[in-house]
Structure formats: structure tokens, C-alpha cells
């Protein structure tokens, strides 16, 4: 079964994507550096939800090549975002741990 998006729906999706980019850049640029670690934890959770949504998009549209390709790209990018976010958060949290002294281990 071949499914196609009509031009109006495709234009609406592209418009929504561009607005989301501008909104994301505007929001992130206003965040003070002290809040980046808590926000990264929240964005990791959101990216996990994105992975689930992308997997659903791939699985529920087996005849649509466009949806399959976009869903796979979404899975790849969201996975990179989650892994990178957890690595950066872990590195930042290790900065706050106390180091053992010379005499005590």
C-alpha cells in the first residue's frame, strides 16, 4: 500500500519544523549556564520519547519510503542526543565529587 502526503500537509510539516528550530534556538540561548545540567536531564527524557515516536513512525508506515527514511533518521539523531547528553551530564556531575585525599582512599 503506497501512501503519499499531499502538498499542503508537506508544507505544514516543513513549516512546523522550521518554527521548532527557531523556537529551540531562542529558548536555549536564554538559559543561564548554571541550569544546563538539569535541563539536559529533561531533554534526555524528551529525546527518549522521540525515539519511541520515531520507531512508531517507522513501524506504522511500511509502504511509505519517505516516512521510513525520516523515522530512521529521527531514531539515529535522537539516540546520539540521548547518549551524548548522558555522557556530558555524567562528566559535569563528576566535577562536583570530592577527590580522595592522599592518606585516605
PDB file of N, CA and C in Angstrom:
ATOM      1  N   UNK A   1       0.842  -1.168   0.000  1.00  0.00           N
ATOM      2  CA  UNK A   1       0.000   0.000   0.000  1.00  0.00           C
ATOM      3  C   UNK A   1       0.893   1.238   0.000  1.00  0.00           C
ATOM      4  N   UNK A   2       0.785   2.045  -0.998  1.00  0.00           N
ATOM      5  CA  UNK A   2       1.583   3.253  -1.146  1.00  0.00           C
ATOM      6  C   UNK A   2       0.805   4.444  -0.599  1.00  0.00           C
ATOM      7  N   UNK A   3       1.392   5.164   0.335  1.00  0.00           N
ATOM      8  CA  UNK A   3       0.745   6.357   0.879  1.00  0.00           C
ATOM      9  C   UNK A   3       1.607   7.564   0.555  1.00  0.00           C
ATOM     10  N   UNK A   4       0.960   8.640   0.170  1.00  0.00           N
ATOM     11  CA  UNK A   4       1.659   9.877  -0.163  1.00  0.00           C
ATOM     12  C   UNK A   4       1.068  11.016   0.649  1.00  0.00           C
ATOM     13  N   UNK A   5       1.937  11.976   0.961  1.00  0.00           N
ATOM     14  CA  UNK A   5       1.467  13.194   1.616  1.00  0.00           C
ATOM     15  C   UNK A   5       1.027  14.180   0.544  1.00  0.00           C
ATOM     16  N   UNK A   6      -0.097  14.830   0.769  1.00  0.00           N
ATOM     17  CA  UNK A   6      -0.483  15.868  -0.170  1.00  0.00           C
ATOM     18  C   UNK A   6       0.413  17.087   0.056  1.00  0.00           C
ATOM     19  N   UNK A   7       0.545  17.948  -0.947  1.00  0.00           N
ATOM     20  CA  UNK A   7       1.482  19.092  -0.841  1.00  0.00           C
ATOM     21  C   UNK A   7       1.189  20.011   0.341  1.00  0.00           C
ATOM     22  N   UNK A   8      -0.070  20.191   0.682  1.00  0.00           N
ATOM     23  CA  UNK A   8      -0.426  21.071   1.803  1.00  0.00           C
ATOM     24  C   UNK A   8       0.094  20.490   3.113  1.00  0.00           C
ATOM     25  N   UNK A   9      -0.062  19.195   3.317  1.00  0.00           N
ATOM     26  CA  UNK A   9       0.427  18.554   4.537  1.00  0.00           C
ATOM     27  C   UNK A   9       1.942  18.633   4.618  1.00  0.00           C
ATOM     28  N   UNK A  10       2.621  18.438   3.497  1.00  0.00           N
ATOM     29  CA  UNK A  10       4.084  18.508   3.482  1.00  0.00           C
ATOM     30  C   UNK A  10       4.556  19.923   3.810  1.00  0.00           C
ATOM     31  N   UNK A  11       3.894  20.926   3.258  1.00  0.00           N
ATOM     32  CA  UNK A  11       4.255  22.321   3.553  1.00  0.00           C
ATOM     33  C   UNK A  11       4.013  22.627   5.025  1.00  0.00           C
ATOM     34  N   UNK A  12       2.917  22.134   5.582  1.00  0.00           N
ATOM     35  CA  UNK A  12       2.631  22.345   7.002  1.00  0.00           C
ATOM     36  C   UNK A  12       3.693  21.676   7.882  1.00  0.00           C
ATOM     37  N   UNK A  13       4.117  20.477   7.526  1.00  0.00           N
ATOM     38  CA  UNK A  13       5.161  19.798   8.304  1.00  0.00           C
ATOM     39  C   UNK A  13       6.495  20.534   8.231  1.00  0.00           C
ATOM     40  N   UNK A  14       6.849  21.025   7.056  1.00  0.00           N
ATOM     41  CA  UNK A  14       8.099  21.791   6.909  1.00  0.00           C
ATOM     42  C   UNK A  14       8.013  23.089   7.703  1.00  0.00           C
ATOM     43  N   UNK A  15       6.865  23.768   7.639  1.00  0.00           N
ATOM     44  CA  UNK A  15       6.666  24.996   8.398  1.00  0.00           C
ATOM     45  C   UNK A  15       6.801  24.735   9.903  1.00  0.00           C
ATOM     46  N   UNK A  16       6.189  23.660  10.385  1.00  0.00           N
ATOM     47  CA  UNK A  16       6.281  23.297  11.796  1.00  0.00           C
ATOM     48  C   UNK A  16       7.722  23.002  12.198  1.00  0.00           C
ATOM     49  N   UNK A  17       8.462  22.324  11.337  1.00  0.00           N
ATOM     50  CA  UNK A  17       9.864  22.012  11.605  1.00  0.00           C
ATOM     51  C   UNK A  17      10.703  23.287  11.717  1.00  0.00           C
ATOM     52  N   UNK A  18      10.508  24.215  10.799  1.00  0.00           N
ATOM     53  CA  UNK A  18      11.274  25.472  10.824  1.00  0.00           C
ATOM     54  C   UNK A  18      10.935  26.292  12.068  1.00  0.00           C
ATOM     55  N   UNK A  19       9.658  26.369  12.424  1.00  0.00           N
ATOM     56  CA  UNK A  19       9.263  27.090  13.638  1.00  0.00           C
ATOM     57  C   UNK A  19       9.874  26.442  14.872  1.00  0.00           C
ATOM     58  N   UNK A  20       9.913  25.103  14.920  1.00  0.00           N
ATOM     59  CA  UNK A  20      10.509  24.401  16.056  1.00  0.00           C
ATOM     60  C   UNK A  20      12.002  24.702  16.171  1.00  0.00           C
ATOM     61  N   UNK A  21      12.695  24.816  15.045  1.00  0.00           N
ATOM     62  CA  UNK A  21      14.120  25.160  15.067  1.00  0.00           C
ATOM     63  C   UNK A  21      14.317  26.550  15.666  1.00  0.00           C
ATOM     64  N   UNK A  22      13.565  27.530  15.168  1.00  0.00           N
ATOM     65  CA  UNK A  22      13.701  28.893  15.690  1.00  0.00           C
ATOM     66  C   UNK A  22      13.354  28.972  17.175  1.00  0.00           C
ATOM     67  N   UNK A  23      12.308  28.307  17.580  1.00  0.00           N
ATOM     68  CA  UNK A  23      11.904  28.314  18.983  1.00  0.00           C
ATOM     69  C   UNK A  23      12.971  27.660  19.860  1.00  0.00           C
ATOM     70  N   UNK A  24      13.517  26.546  19.408  1.00  0.00           N
ATOM     71  CA  UNK A  24      14.558  25.862  20.175  1.00  0.00           C
ATOM     72  C   UNK A  24      15.806  26.705  20.341  1.00  0.00           C
ATOM     73  N   UNK A  25      16.250  27.348  19.281  1.00  0.00           N
ATOM     74  CA  UNK A  25      17.439  28.206  19.360  1.00  0.00           C
ATOM     75  C   UNK A  25      17.182  29.375  20.297  1.00  0.00           C
ATOM     76  N   UNK A  26      16.017  29.965  20.206  1.00  0.00           N
ATOM     77  CA  UNK A  26      15.684  31.114  21.058  1.00  0.00           C
ATOM     78  C   UNK A  26      15.629  30.711  22.528  1.00  0.00           C
ATOM     79  N   UNK A  27      15.026  29.579  22.822  1.00  0.00           N
ATOM     80  CA  UNK A  27      14.926  29.132  24.212  1.00  0.00           C
ATOM     81  C   UNK A  27      16.288  28.763  24.796  1.00  0.00           C
ATOM     82  N   UNK A  28      17.077  28.019  24.066  1.00  0.00           N
ATOM     83  CA  UNK A  28      18.372  27.576  24.579  1.00  0.00           C
ATOM     84  C   UNK A  28      19.329  28.749  24.766  1.00  0.00           C
ATOM     85  N   UNK A  29      19.250  29.736  23.899  1.00  0.00           N
ATOM     86  CA  UNK A  29      20.163  30.879  24.033  1.00  0.00           C
ATOM     87  C   UNK A  29      19.874  31.711  25.280  1.00  0.00           C
ATOM     88  N   UNK A  30      18.671  31.617  25.839  1.00  0.00           N
ATOM     89  CA  UNK A  30      18.300  32.397  27.021  1.00  0.00           C
ATOM     90  C   UNK A  30      18.561  31.674  28.341  1.00  0.00           C
ATOM     91  N   UNK A  31      19.030  30.428  28.301  1.00  0.00           N
ATOM     92  CA  UNK A  31      19.227  29.645  29.523  1.00  0.00           C
ATOM     93  C   UNK A  31      20.588  29.980  30.132  1.00  0.00           C
ATOM     94  N   UNK A  32      20.630  30.340  31.426  1.00  0.00           N
ATOM     95  CA  UNK A  32      21.935  30.578  32.068  1.00  0.00           C
ATOM     96  C   UNK A  32      22.710  29.267  32.202  1.00  0.00           C
ATOM     97  N   UNK A  33      24.027  29.368  32.239  1.00  0.00           N
ATOM     98  CA  UNK A  33      24.872  28.170  32.241  1.00  0.00           C
ATOM     99  C   UNK A  33      24.668  27.295  33.478  1.00  0.00           C
ATOM    100  N   UNK A  34      24.240  27.865  34.588  1.00  0.00           N
ATOM    101  CA  UNK A  34      24.044  27.080  35.812  1.00  0.00           C
ATOM    102  C   UNK A  34      22.886  26.084  35.663  1.00  0.00           C
ATOM    103  N   UNK A  35      21.969  26.342  34.735  1.00  0.00           N
ATOM    104  CA  UNK A  35      20.804  25.473  34.568  1.00  0.00           C
ATOM    105  C   UNK A  35      20.967  24.429  33.469  1.00  0.00           C
ATOM    106  N   UNK A  36      22.117  24.381  32.811  1.00  0.00           N
ATOM    107  CA  UNK A  36      22.262  23.461  31.688  1.00  0.00           C
ATOM    108  C   UNK A  36      22.197  21.995  32.110  1.00  0.00           C
ATOM    109  N   UNK A  37      22.788  21.634  33.247  1.00  0.00           N
ATOM    110  CA  UNK A  37      22.775  20.224  33.664  1.00  0.00           C
ATOM    111  C   UNK A  37      21.360  19.739  33.958  1.00  0.00           C
ATOM    112  N   UNK A  38      20.539  20.448  34.739  1.00  0.00           N
ATOM    113  CA  UNK A  38      19.166  19.964  34.943  1.00  0.00           C
ATOM    114  C   UNK A  38      18.352  19.921  33.651  1.00  0.00           C
ATOM    115  N   UNK A  39      18.577  20.887  32.768  1.00  0.00           N
ATOM    116  CA  UNK A  39      17.831  20.884  31.514  1.00  0.00           C
ATOM    117  C   UNK A  39      18.263  19.745  30.603  1.00  0.00           C
ATOM    118  N   UNK A  40      19.538  19.362  30.677  1.00  0.00           N
ATOM    119  CA  UNK A  40      19.995  18.233  29.864  1.00  0.00           C
ATOM    120  C   UNK A  40      19.323  16.947  30.312  1.00  0.00           C
ATOM    121  N   UNK A  41      19.105  16.806  31.602  1.00  0.00           N
ATOM    122  CA  UNK A  41      18.409  15.609  32.078  1.00  0.00           C
ATOM    123  C   UNK A  41      16.990  15.563  31.522  1.00  0.00           C
ATOM    124  N   UNK A  42      16.333  16.693  31.514  1.00  0.00           N
ATOM    125  CA  UNK A  42      14.987  16.749  30.946  1.00  0.00           C
ATOM    126  C   UNK A  42      14.978  16.514  29.446  1.00  0.00           C
ATOM    127  N   UNK A  43      15.957  17.066  28.751  1.00  0.00           N
ATOM    128  CA  UNK A  43      15.998  16.868  27.298  1.00  0.00           C
ATOM    129  C   UNK A  43      16.340  15.427  26.946  1.00  0.00           C
ATOM    130  N   UNK A  44      17.098  14.752  27.795  1.00  0.00           N
ATOM    131  CA  UNK A  44      17.363  13.335  27.553  1.00  0.00           C
ATOM    132  C   UNK A  44      16.074  12.524  27.641  1.00  0.00           C
ATOM    133  N   UNK A  45      15.229  12.861  28.586  1.00  0.00           N
ATOM    134  CA  UNK A  45      13.941  12.162  28.696  1.00  0.00           C
ATOM    135  C   UNK A  45      13.065  12.446  27.482  1.00  0.00           C
ATOM    136  N   UNK A  46      13.061  13.687  27.026  1.00  0.00           N
ATOM    137  CA  UNK A  46      12.276  14.034  25.842  1.00  0.00           C
ATOM    138  C   UNK A  46      12.816  13.319  24.610  1.00  0.00           C
ATOM    139  N   UNK A  47      14.139  13.216  24.496  1.00  0.00           N
ATOM    140  CA  UNK A  47      14.714  12.506  23.355  1.00  0.00           C
ATOM    141  C   UNK A  47      14.380  11.021  23.403  1.00  0.00           C
ATOM    142  N   UNK A  48      14.255  10.470  24.593  1.00  0.00           N
ATOM    143  CA  UNK A  48      13.812   9.079  24.711  1.00  0.00           C
ATOM    144  C   UNK A  48      12.402   8.911  24.170  1.00  0.00           C
ATOM    145  N   UNK A  49      11.538   9.881  24.435  1.00  0.00           N
ATOM    146  CA  UNK A  49      10.183   9.847  23.898  1.00  0.00           C
ATOM    147  C   UNK A  49      10.223  10.004  22.374  1.00  0.00           C
ATOM    148  N   UNK A  50      11.149  10.823  21.879  1.00  0.00           N
ATOM    149  CA  UNK A  50      11.314  10.992  20.438  1.00  0.00           C
ATOM    150  C   UNK A  50      11.704   9.684  19.773  1.00  0.00           C
ATOM    151  N   UNK A  51      12.555   8.913  20.440  1.00  0.00           N
ATOM    152  CA  UNK A  51      12.949   7.613  19.889  1.00  0.00           C
ATOM    153  C   UNK A  51      11.727   6.706  19.756  1.00  0.00           C
ATOM    154  N   UNK A  52      10.888   6.684  20.773  1.00  0.00           N
ATOM    155  CA  UNK A  52       9.680   5.855  20.719  1.00  0.00           C
ATOM    156  C   UNK A  52       8.763   6.322  19.580  1.00  0.00           C
ATOM    157  N   UNK A  53       8.568   7.623  19.444  1.00  0.00           N
ATOM    158  CA  UNK A  53       7.733   8.151  18.366  1.00  0.00           C
ATOM    159  C   UNK A  53       8.298   7.843  16.989  1.00  0.00           C
ATOM    160  N   UNK A  54       9.620   7.936  16.849  1.00  0.00           N
ATOM    161  CA  UNK A  54      10.243   7.636  15.561  1.00  0.00           C
ATOM    162  C   UNK A  54      10.118   6.153  15.227  1.00  0.00           C
ATOM    163  N   UNK A  55      10.251   5.300  16.226  1.00  0.00           N
ATOM    164  CA  UNK A  55      10.069   3.866  15.986  1.00  0.00           C
ATOM    165  C   UNK A  55       8.631   3.564  15.560  1.00  0.00           C
ATOM    166  N   UNK A  56       7.686   4.260  16.170  1.00  0.00           N
ATOM    167  CA  UNK A  56       6.291   4.090  15.758  1.00  0.00           C
ATOM    168  C   UNK A  56       6.072   4.574  14.323  1.00  0.00           C
ATOM    169  N   UNK A  57       6.707   5.693  13.957  1.00  0.00           N
ATOM    170  CA  UNK A  57       6.569   6.210  12.597  1.00  0.00           C
ATOM    171  C   UNK A  57       7.133   5.227  11.585  1.00  0.00           C
ATOM    172  N   UNK A  58       8.230   4.584  11.921  1.00  0.00           N
ATOM    173  CA  UNK A  58       8.819   3.604  11.016  1.00  0.00           C
ATOM    174  C   UNK A  58       7.936   2.359  10.938  1.00  0.00           C
ATOM    175  N   UNK A  59       7.443   1.899  12.075  1.00  0.00           N
ATOM    176  CA  UNK A  59       6.684   0.659  12.104  1.00  0.00           C
ATOM    177  C   UNK A  59       5.277   0.767  11.554  1.00  0.00           C
ATOM    178  N   UNK A  60       4.654   1.921  11.701  1.00  0.00           N
ATOM    179  CA  UNK A  60       3.257   2.059  11.293  1.00  0.00           C
ATOM    180  C   UNK A  60       3.071   2.494   9.844  1.00  0.00           C
ATOM    181  N   UNK A  61       4.157   2.835   9.158  1.00  0.00           N
ATOM    182  CA  UNK A  61       4.054   3.252   7.755  1.00  0.00           C
ATOM    183  C   UNK A  61       4.974   2.391   6.893  1.00  0.00           C
ATOM    184  N   UNK A  62       4.652   1.111   6.721  1.00  0.00           N
ATOM    185  CA  UNK A  62       5.559   0.236   5.997  1.00  0.00           C
ATOM    186  C   UNK A  62       5.645   0.528   4.500  1.00  0.00           C
ATOM    187  N   UNK A  63       4.635   1.140   3.891  1.00  0.00           N
ATOM    188  CA  UNK A  63       4.659   1.388   2.456  1.00  0.00           C
ATOM    189  C   UNK A  63       5.261   2.720   2.069  1.00  0.00           C
ATOM    190  N   UNK A  64       5.453   3.607   3.030  1.00  0.00           N
ATOM    191  CA  UNK A  64       5.932   4.958   2.733  1.00  0.00           C
ATOM    192  C   UNK A  64       7.444   5.043   2.926  1.00  0.00           C
ATOM    193  N   UNK A  65       8.155   5.211   1.839  1.00  0.00           N
ATOM    194  CA  UNK A  65       9.611   5.303   1.906  1.00  0.00           C
ATOM    195  C   UNK A  65      10.044   6.566   2.625  1.00  0.00           C
ATOM    196  N   UNK A  66       9.367   7.678   2.365  1.00  0.00           N
ATOM    197  CA  UNK A  66       9.720   8.945   3.000  1.00  0.00           C
ATOM    198  C   UNK A  66       9.590   8.847   4.522  1.00  0.00           C
ATOM    199  N   UNK A  67       8.485   8.303   5.002  1.00  0.00           N
ATOM    200  CA  UNK A  67       8.281   8.166   6.449  1.00  0.00           C
ATOM    201  C   UNK A  67       9.302   7.218   7.063  1.00  0.00           C
ATOM    202  N   UNK A  68       9.637   6.173   6.344  1.00  0.00           N
ATOM    203  CA  UNK A  68      10.626   5.223   6.855  1.00  0.00           C
ATOM    204  C   UNK A  68      11.995   5.878   6.982  1.00  0.00           C
ATOM    205  N   UNK A  69      12.418   6.603   5.955  1.00  0.00           N
ATOM    206  CA  UNK A  69      13.730   7.264   5.987  1.00  0.00           C
ATOM    207  C   UNK A  69      13.766   8.326   7.078  1.00  0.00           C
ATOM    208  N   UNK A  70      12.722   9.149   7.159  1.00  0.00           N
ATOM    209  CA  UNK A  70      12.692  10.194   8.187  1.00  0.00           C
ATOM    210  C   UNK A  70      12.627   9.586   9.594  1.00  0.00           C
ATOM    211  N   UNK A  71      11.893   8.498   9.753  1.00  0.00           N
ATOM    212  CA  UNK A  71      11.826   7.830  11.050  1.00  0.00           C
ATOM    213  C   UNK A  71      13.165   7.253  11.465  1.00  0.00           C
ATOM    214  N   UNK A  72      13.875   6.637  10.521  1.00  0.00           N
ATOM    215  CA  UNK A  72      15.204   6.087  10.837  1.00  0.00           C
ATOM    216  C   UNK A  72      16.177   7.204  11.188  1.00  0.00           C
ATOM    217  N   UNK A  73      16.127   8.304  10.439  1.00  0.00           N
ATOM    218  CA  UNK A  73      16.990   9.449  10.773  1.00  0.00           C
ATOM    219  C   UNK A  73      16.652  10.004  12.156  1.00  0.00           C
ATOM    220  N   UNK A  74      15.365  10.064  12.482  1.00  0.00           N
ATOM    221  CA  UNK A  74      14.961  10.549  13.803  1.00  0.00           C
ATOM    222  C   UNK A  74      15.472   9.632  14.905  1.00  0.00           C
ATOM    223  N   UNK A  75      15.414   8.322  14.676  1.00  0.00           N
ATOM    224  CA  UNK A  75      15.938   7.375  15.668  1.00  0.00           C
ATOM    225  C   UNK A  75      17.438   7.584  15.856  1.00  0.00           C
ATOM    226  N   UNK A  76      18.172   7.730  14.763  1.00  0.00           N
ATOM    227  CA  UNK A  76      19.625   7.907  14.842  1.00  0.00           C
ATOM    228  C   UNK A  76      19.983   9.189  15.587  1.00  0.00           C
ATOM    229  N   UNK A  77      19.368  10.307  15.190  1.00  0.00           N
ATOM    230  CA  UNK A  77      19.706  11.584  15.814  1.00  0.00           C
ATOM    231  C   UNK A  77      19.273  11.647  17.275  1.00  0.00           C
ATOM    232  N   UNK A  78      18.116  11.113  17.597  1.00  0.00           N
ATOM    233  CA  UNK A  78      17.665  11.123  18.992  1.00  0.00           C
ATOM    234  C   UNK A  78      18.547  10.227  19.850  1.00  0.00           C
ATOM    235  N   UNK A  79      19.005   9.097  19.305  1.00  0.00           N
ATOM    236  CA  UNK A  79      19.903   8.227  20.056  1.00  0.00           C
ATOM    237  C   UNK A  79      21.239   8.910  20.317  1.00  0.00           C
ATOM    238  N   UNK A  80      21.768   9.586  19.310  1.00  0.00           N
ATOM    239  CA  UNK A  80      23.014  10.352  19.501  1.00  0.00           C
ATOM    240  C   UNK A  80      22.820  11.417  20.567  1.00  0.00           C
ATOM    241  N   UNK A  81      21.672  12.082  20.543  1.00  0.00           N
ATOM    242  CA  UNK A  81      21.380  13.124  21.524  1.00  0.00           C
ATOM    243  C   UNK A  81      21.298  12.555  22.936  1.00  0.00           C
ATOM    244  N   UNK A  82      20.634  11.418  23.105  1.00  0.00           N
ATOM    245  CA  UNK A  82      20.498  10.814  24.429  1.00  0.00           C
ATOM    246  C   UNK A  82      21.857  10.375  24.963  1.00  0.00           C
ATOM    247  N   UNK A  83      22.619   9.653  24.149  1.00  0.00           N
ATOM    248  CA  UNK A  83      23.929   9.155  24.601  1.00  0.00           C
ATOM    249  C   UNK A  83      24.868  10.318  24.905  1.00  0.00           C
ATOM    250  N   UNK A  84      24.930  11.299  24.013  1.00  0.00           N
ATOM    251  CA  UNK A  84      25.787  12.461  24.248  1.00  0.00           C
ATOM    252  C   UNK A  84      25.361  13.251  25.468  1.00  0.00           C
ATOM    253  N   UNK A  85      24.052  13.394  25.662  1.00  0.00           N
ATOM    254  CA  UNK A  85      23.556  14.122  26.831  1.00  0.00           C
ATOM    255  C   UNK A  85      23.923  13.438  28.135  1.00  0.00           C
ATOM    256  N   UNK A  86      23.789  12.112  28.164  1.00  0.00           N
ATOM    257  CA  UNK A  86      24.157  11.396  29.384  1.00  0.00           C
ATOM    258  C   UNK A  86      25.665  11.450  29.635  1.00  0.00           C
ATOM    259  N   UNK A  87      26.464  11.394  28.581  1.00  0.00           N
ATOM    260  CA  UNK A  87      27.919  11.485  28.767  1.00  0.00           C
ATOM    261  C   UNK A  87      28.327  12.856  29.304  1.00  0.00           C
ATOM    262  N   UNK A  88      27.747  13.905  28.749  1.00  0.00           N
ATOM    263  CA  UNK A  88      28.079  15.260  29.214  1.00  0.00           C
ATOM    264  C   UNK A  88      27.578  15.478  30.634  1.00  0.00           C
ATOM    265  N   UNK A  89      26.364  15.020  30.935  1.00  0.00           N
ATOM    266  CA  UNK A  89      25.823  15.172  32.284  1.00  0.00           C
ATOM    267  C   UNK A  89      26.674  14.421  33.294  1.00  0.00           C
ATOM    268  N   UNK A  90      27.090  13.211  32.955  1.00  0.00           N
ATOM    269  CA  UNK A  90      27.952  12.431  33.852  1.00  0.00           C
ATOM    270  C   UNK A  90      29.281  13.135  34.077  1.00  0.00           C
ATOM    271  N   UNK A  91      29.845  13.688  33.028  1.00  0.00           N
ATOM    272  CA  UNK A  91      31.123  14.401  33.170  1.00  0.00           C
ATOM    273  C   UNK A  91      30.968  15.644  34.049  1.00  0.00           C
ATOM    274  N   UNK A  92      29.864  16.356  33.880  1.00  0.00           N
ATOM    275  CA  UNK A  92      29.651  17.550  34.700  1.00  0.00           C
ATOM    276  C   UNK A  92      29.415  17.179  36.160  1.00  0.00           C
ATOM    277  N   UNK A  93      28.687  16.093  36.408  1.00  0.00           N
ATOM    278  CA  UNK A  93      28.433  15.686  37.788  1.00  0.00           C
ATOM    279  C   UNK A  93      29.707  15.177  38.467  1.00  0.00           C
ATOM    280  N   UNK A  94      30.622  14.575  37.697  1.00  0.00           N
ATOM    281  CA  UNK A  94      31.898  14.136  38.287  1.00  0.00           C
ATOM    282  C   UNK A  94      32.753  15.312  38.742  1.00  0.00           C
ATOM    283  N   UNK A  95      32.526  16.494  38.189  1.00  0.00           N
ATOM    284  CA  UNK A  95      33.281  17.668  38.612  1.00  0.00           C
ATOM    285  C   UNK A  95      32.940  18.053  40.047  1.00  0.00           C
ATOM    286  N   UNK A  96      31.745  17.695  40.518  1.00  0.00           N
ATOM    287  CA  UNK A  96      31.316  18.078  41.853  1.00  0.00           C
ATOM    288  C   UNK A  96      31.651  17.040  42.919  1.00  0.00           C
ATOM    289  N   UNK A  97      32.145  15.879  42.538  1.00  0.00           N
ATOM    290  CA  UNK A  97      32.504  14.861  43.514  1.00  0.00           C
ATOM    291  C   UNK A  97      33.817  15.242  44.191  1.00  0.00           C
ATOM    292  N   UNK A  98      33.916  14.899  45.476  1.00  0.00           N
ATOM    293  CA  UNK A  98      35.143  15.197  46.189  1.00  0.00           C
ATOM    294  C   UNK A  98      36.192  14.150  45.863  1.00  0.00           C
ATOM    295  N   UNK A  99      37.411  14.609  45.707  1.00  0.00           N
ATOM    296  CA  UNK A  99      38.507  13.706  45.388  1.00  0.00           C
ATOM    297  C   UNK A  99      39.071  13.156  46.684  1.00  0.00           C
ATOM    298  N   UNK A 100      39.473  11.882  46.693  1.00  0.00           N
ATOM    299  CA  UNK A 100      40.056  11.318  47.919  1.00  0.00           C
ATOM    300  C   UNK A 100      41.408  11.991  48.237  1.00  0.00           C
ATOM    301  N   UNK A 101      41.664  12.168  49.534  1.00  0.00           N
ATOM    302  CA  UNK A 101      42.928  12.782  49.940  1.00  0.00           C
ATOM    303  C   UNK A 101      44.046  11.751  49.860  1.00  0.00           C
ATOM    304  N   UNK A 102      45.285  12.205  50.024  1.00  0.00           N
ATOM    305  CA  UNK A 102      46.449  11.331  49.898  1.00  0.00           C
ATOM    306  C   UNK A 102      46.447  10.208  50.919  1.00  0.00           C
ATOM    307  N   UNK A 103      46.129  10.483  52.165  1.00  0.00           N
ATOM    308  CA  UNK A 103      46.182   9.478  53.218  1.00  0.00           C
ATOM    309  C   UNK A 103      44.974   8.560  53.222  1.00  0.00           C
ATOM    310  N   UNK A 104      43.832   9.009  52.774  1.00  0.00           N
ATOM    311  CA  UNK A 104      42.600   8.211  52.807  1.00  0.00           C
ATOM    312  C   UNK A 104      42.226   7.797  51.383  1.00  0.00           C
ATOM    313  N   UNK A 105      41.695   6.598  51.280  1.00  0.00           N
ATOM    314  CA  UNK A 105      41.248   6.120  49.973  1.00  0.00           C
ATOM    315  C   UNK A 105      39.855   5.596  50.053  1.00  0.00           C
TER     316      UNK A 105
END
